[in-house]
Amino acid sequence: MSNGRKLTDEQLEQMAAHREAGKTYAWLAAEFGVSVGAIRWQCLRLGADRPDGHRFLTKNPSGQTQRGGRQVRPYSPNEDAFIQERKLAGDSNSAIARALGRKPHSILGRVMTLAMTQDRQERAS
């Protein structure tokens, strides 16, 4: 692979299938030899979700939101609505990020997360 990718298309398909079968990010990271963060991102990008819709955000004792032991700034419902409205209007992730004081890749991740959340809700109904 000359494009710098660590996982082939075939491995990504296998990873998605394992995730949808219930395998954990840690198991997938060990299986494919990449970081847990890389697995999380690829699963999010591909829409590969565990059957139980497990979420990886937690709260620490002081009530701060964490992911993987690191403090994160969660998106508010108002920010989510703004992102969805601006994406429908055709705005780029960079433009939305500037308006919200966030990074473009964070907006991309949030757009994918919102789509996955909607898919979970549709499956549940």
C-alpha atoms as a PDB file:
ATOM      1  CA  MET A   1       0.000   0.000   0.000  1.00  0.00           C
ATOM      2  CA  SER A   2       1.733   3.156  -1.141  1.00  0.00           C
ATOM      3  CA  ASN A   3      -0.905   5.533   0.243  1.00  0.00           C
ATOM      4  CA  GLY A   4       0.281   5.175   3.864  1.00  0.00           C
ATOM      5  CA  ARG A   5      -2.790   3.292   5.040  1.00  0.00           C
ATOM      6  CA  LYS A   6      -2.254   0.659   7.682  1.00  0.00           C
ATOM      7  CA  LEU A   7      -5.412  -1.331   6.951  1.00  0.00           C
ATOM      8  CA  THR A   8      -6.449  -2.693   3.587  1.00  0.00           C
ATOM      9  CA  ASP A   9     -10.013  -2.489   2.312  1.00  0.00           C
ATOM     10  CA  GLU A  10     -10.380  -6.192   3.101  1.00  0.00           C
ATOM     11  CA  GLN A  11      -9.160  -5.667   6.671  1.00  0.00           C
ATOM     12  CA  LEU A  12     -11.566  -2.748   7.098  1.00  0.00           C
ATOM     13  CA  GLU A  13     -14.444  -4.970   5.977  1.00  0.00           C
ATOM     14  CA  GLN A  14     -13.343  -7.688   8.425  1.00  0.00           C
ATOM     15  CA  MET A  15     -12.998  -5.111  11.209  1.00  0.00           C
ATOM     16  CA  ALA A  16     -16.499  -3.759  10.563  1.00  0.00           C
ATOM     17  CA  ALA A  17     -17.965  -7.278  10.554  1.00  0.00           C
ATOM     18  CA  HIS A  18     -16.235  -8.121  13.858  1.00  0.00           C
ATOM     19  CA  ARG A  19     -17.451  -4.871  15.426  1.00  0.00           C
ATOM     20  CA  GLU A  20     -21.015  -5.518  14.331  1.00  0.00           C
ATOM     21  CA  ALA A  21     -20.686  -9.010  15.822  1.00  0.00           C
ATOM     22  CA  GLY A  22     -19.887  -7.413  19.192  1.00  0.00           C
ATOM     23  CA  LYS A  23     -16.074  -7.374  19.379  1.00  0.00           C
ATOM     24  CA  THR A  24     -14.546  -4.596  21.485  1.00  0.00           C
ATOM     25  CA  TYR A  25     -12.265  -1.849  20.246  1.00  0.00           C
ATOM     26  CA  ALA A  26      -9.425  -3.341  22.313  1.00  0.00           C
ATOM     27  CA  TRP A  27      -9.907  -6.765  20.731  1.00  0.00           C
ATOM     28  CA  LEU A  28      -9.987  -5.242  17.245  1.00  0.00           C
ATOM     29  CA  ALA A  29      -6.870  -3.158  17.927  1.00  0.00           C
ATOM     30  CA  ALA A  30      -4.966  -6.253  19.018  1.00  0.00           C
ATOM     31  CA  GLU A  31      -6.274  -8.283  16.090  1.00  0.00           C
ATOM     32  CA  PHE A  32      -5.342  -5.712  13.438  1.00  0.00           C
ATOM     33  CA  GLY A  33      -2.232  -4.244  15.078  1.00  0.00           C
ATOM     34  CA  VAL A  34      -3.383  -0.629  15.240  1.00  0.00           C
ATOM     35  CA  SER A  35      -4.365   1.695  18.076  1.00  0.00           C
ATOM     36  CA  VAL A  36      -7.747   1.665  19.777  1.00  0.00           C
ATOM     37  CA  GLY A  37      -8.232   5.246  18.563  1.00  0.00           C
ATOM     38  CA  ALA A  38      -7.669   4.167  14.953  1.00  0.00           C
ATOM     39  CA  ILE A  39     -10.222   1.389  15.380  1.00  0.00           C
ATOM     40  CA  ARG A  40     -12.780   3.775  16.911  1.00  0.00           C
ATOM     41  CA  TRP A  41     -12.358   6.242  14.054  1.00  0.00           C
ATOM     42  CA  GLN A  42     -12.607   3.598  11.337  1.00  0.00           C
ATOM     43  CA  CYS A  43     -15.678   2.020  12.948  1.00  0.00           C
ATOM     44  CA  LEU A  44     -17.300   5.436  13.177  1.00  0.00           C
ATOM     45  CA  ARG A  45     -16.327   6.265   9.591  1.00  0.00           C
ATOM     46  CA  LEU A  46     -17.740   2.956   8.340  1.00  0.00           C
ATOM     47  CA  GLY A  47     -20.833   3.034  10.560  1.00  0.00           C
ATOM     48  CA  ALA A  48     -19.809  -0.235  12.193  1.00  0.00           C
ATOM     49  CA  ASP A  49     -21.557  -0.426  15.537  1.00  0.00           C
ATOM     50  CA  ARG A  50     -21.895  -3.094  18.215  1.00  0.00           C
ATOM     51  CA  PRO A  51     -25.338  -4.671  18.409  1.00  0.00           C
ATOM     52  CA  ASP A  52     -25.900  -3.085  21.825  1.00  0.00           C
ATOM     53  CA  GLY A  53     -24.830   0.377  20.612  1.00  0.00           C
ATOM     54  CA  HIS A  54     -22.135   0.618  23.304  1.00  0.00           C
ATOM     55  CA  ARG A  55     -20.882   4.167  23.854  1.00  0.00           C
ATOM     56  CA  PHE A  56     -17.361   4.968  24.936  1.00  0.00           C
ATOM     57  CA  LEU A  57     -17.906   8.325  26.647  1.00  0.00           C
ATOM     58  CA  THR A  58     -17.829   8.218  30.435  1.00  0.00           C
ATOM     59  CA  LYS A  59     -17.992  10.696  33.319  1.00  0.00           C
ATOM     60  CA  ASN A  60     -15.183  11.052  35.850  1.00  0.00           C
ATOM     61  CA  PRO A  61     -15.952  11.577  39.577  1.00  0.00           C
ATOM     62  CA  SER A  62     -16.077  15.369  39.120  1.00  0.00           C
ATOM     63  CA  GLY A  63     -18.667  14.990  36.353  1.00  0.00           C
ATOM     64  CA  GLN A  64     -16.415  15.835  33.397  1.00  0.00           C
ATOM     65  CA  THR A  65     -16.974  13.891  30.190  1.00  0.00           C
ATOM     66  CA  GLN A  66     -14.112  11.602  29.204  1.00  0.00           C
ATOM     67  CA  ARG A  67     -13.191   9.349  26.308  1.00  0.00           C
ATOM     68  CA  GLY A  68     -10.333   6.939  26.812  1.00  0.00           C
ATOM     69  CA  GLY A  69      -9.386   8.637  30.081  1.00  0.00           C
ATOM     70  CA  ARG A  70      -9.059  12.080  28.468  1.00  0.00           C
ATOM     71  CA  GLN A  71     -11.358  15.006  29.154  1.00  0.00           C
ATOM     72  CA  VAL A  72     -13.457  16.020  26.150  1.00  0.00           C
ATOM     73  CA  ARG A  73     -15.870  18.873  25.493  1.00  0.00           C
ATOM     74  CA  PRO A  74     -19.165  17.206  24.573  1.00  0.00           C
ATOM     75  CA  TYR A  75     -21.436  18.679  21.926  1.00  0.00           C
ATOM     76  CA  SER A  76     -24.579  20.405  23.143  1.00  0.00           C
ATOM     77  CA  PRO A  77     -27.986  19.811  21.538  1.00  0.00           C
ATOM     78  CA  ASN A  78     -27.763  23.365  20.142  1.00  0.00           C
ATOM     79  CA  GLU A  79     -24.389  22.601  18.541  1.00  0.00           C
ATOM     80  CA  ASP A  80     -25.752  19.371  17.067  1.00  0.00           C
ATOM     81  CA  ALA A  81     -28.708  21.249  15.568  1.00  0.00           C
ATOM     82  CA  PHE A  82     -26.366  23.914  14.188  1.00  0.00           C
ATOM     83  CA  ILE A  83     -24.107  21.286  12.604  1.00  0.00           C
ATOM     84  CA  GLN A  84     -27.023  19.486  10.976  1.00  0.00           C
ATOM     85  CA  GLU A  85     -28.534  22.744   9.710  1.00  0.00           C
ATOM     86  CA  ARG A  86     -25.225  23.969   8.273  1.00  0.00           C
ATOM     87  CA  LYS A  87     -24.403  20.611   6.646  1.00  0.00           C
ATOM     88  CA  LEU A  88     -27.818  20.629   4.947  1.00  0.00           C
ATOM     89  CA  ALA A  89     -27.026  24.149   3.731  1.00  0.00           C
ATOM     90  CA  GLY A  90     -23.798  22.800   2.204  1.00  0.00           C
ATOM     91  CA  ASP A  91     -21.267  24.333   4.605  1.00  0.00           C
ATOM     92  CA  SER A  92     -17.868  22.684   4.893  1.00  0.00           C
ATOM     93  CA  ASN A  93     -16.619  21.073   8.096  1.00  0.00           C
ATOM     94  CA  SER A  94     -14.014  23.854   8.294  1.00  0.00           C
ATOM     95  CA  ALA A  95     -16.635  26.602   8.149  1.00  0.00           C
ATOM     96  CA  ILE A  96     -18.750  24.890  10.794  1.00  0.00           C
ATOM     97  CA  ALA A  97     -15.681  24.324  12.969  1.00  0.00           C
ATOM     98  CA  ARG A  98     -14.728  28.006  12.803  1.00  0.00           C
ATOM     99  CA  ALA A  99     -18.262  29.020  13.817  1.00  0.00           C
ATOM    100  CA  LEU A 100     -18.225  26.647  16.816  1.00  0.00           C
ATOM    101  CA  GLY A 101     -14.594  27.084  17.874  1.00  0.00           C
ATOM    102  CA  ARG A 102     -13.751  23.461  17.167  1.00  0.00           C
ATOM    103  CA  LYS A 103     -11.456  21.534  14.822  1.00  0.00           C
ATOM    104  CA  PRO A 104     -12.689  20.390  11.371  1.00  0.00           C
ATOM    105  CA  HIS A 105     -11.943  16.721  12.122  1.00  0.00           C
ATOM    106  CA  SER A 106     -14.056  17.039  15.275  1.00  0.00           C
ATOM    107  CA  ILE A 107     -16.975  18.237  13.156  1.00  0.00           C
ATOM    108  CA  LEU A 108     -16.452  15.333  10.747  1.00  0.00           C
ATOM    109  CA  GLY A 109     -16.489  12.906  13.675  1.00  0.00           C
ATOM    110  CA  ARG A 110     -19.625  14.514  15.089  1.00  0.00           C
ATOM    111  CA  VAL A 111     -21.440  14.331  11.741  1.00  0.00           C
ATOM    112  CA  MET A 112     -20.638  10.603  11.608  1.00  0.00           C
ATOM    113  CA  THR A 113     -21.686  10.163  15.254  1.00  0.00           C
ATOM    114  CA  LEU A 114     -25.012  11.895  14.641  1.00  0.00           C
ATOM    115  CA  ALA A 115     -25.636   9.612  11.658  1.00  0.00           C
ATOM    116  CA  MET A 116     -24.810   6.542  13.764  1.00  0.00           C
ATOM    117  CA  THR A 117     -27.098   7.750  16.558  1.00  0.00           C
ATOM    118  CA  GLN A 118     -29.937   8.203  14.078  1.00  0.00           C
ATOM    119  CA  ASP A 119     -29.309   4.707  12.721  1.00  0.00           C
ATOM    120  CA  ARG A 120     -29.467   3.275  16.278  1.00  0.00           C
ATOM    121  CA  GLN A 121     -32.775   5.049  16.893  1.00  0.00           C
ATOM    122  CA  GLU A 122     -34.223   3.729  13.653  1.00  0.00           C
ATOM    123  CA  ARG A 123     -33.133   0.172  14.484  1.00  0.00           C
ATOM    124  CA  ALA A 124     -34.687   0.452  17.936  1.00  0.00           C
ATOM    125  CA  SER A 125     -38.089   1.563  16.630  1.00  0.00           C
END
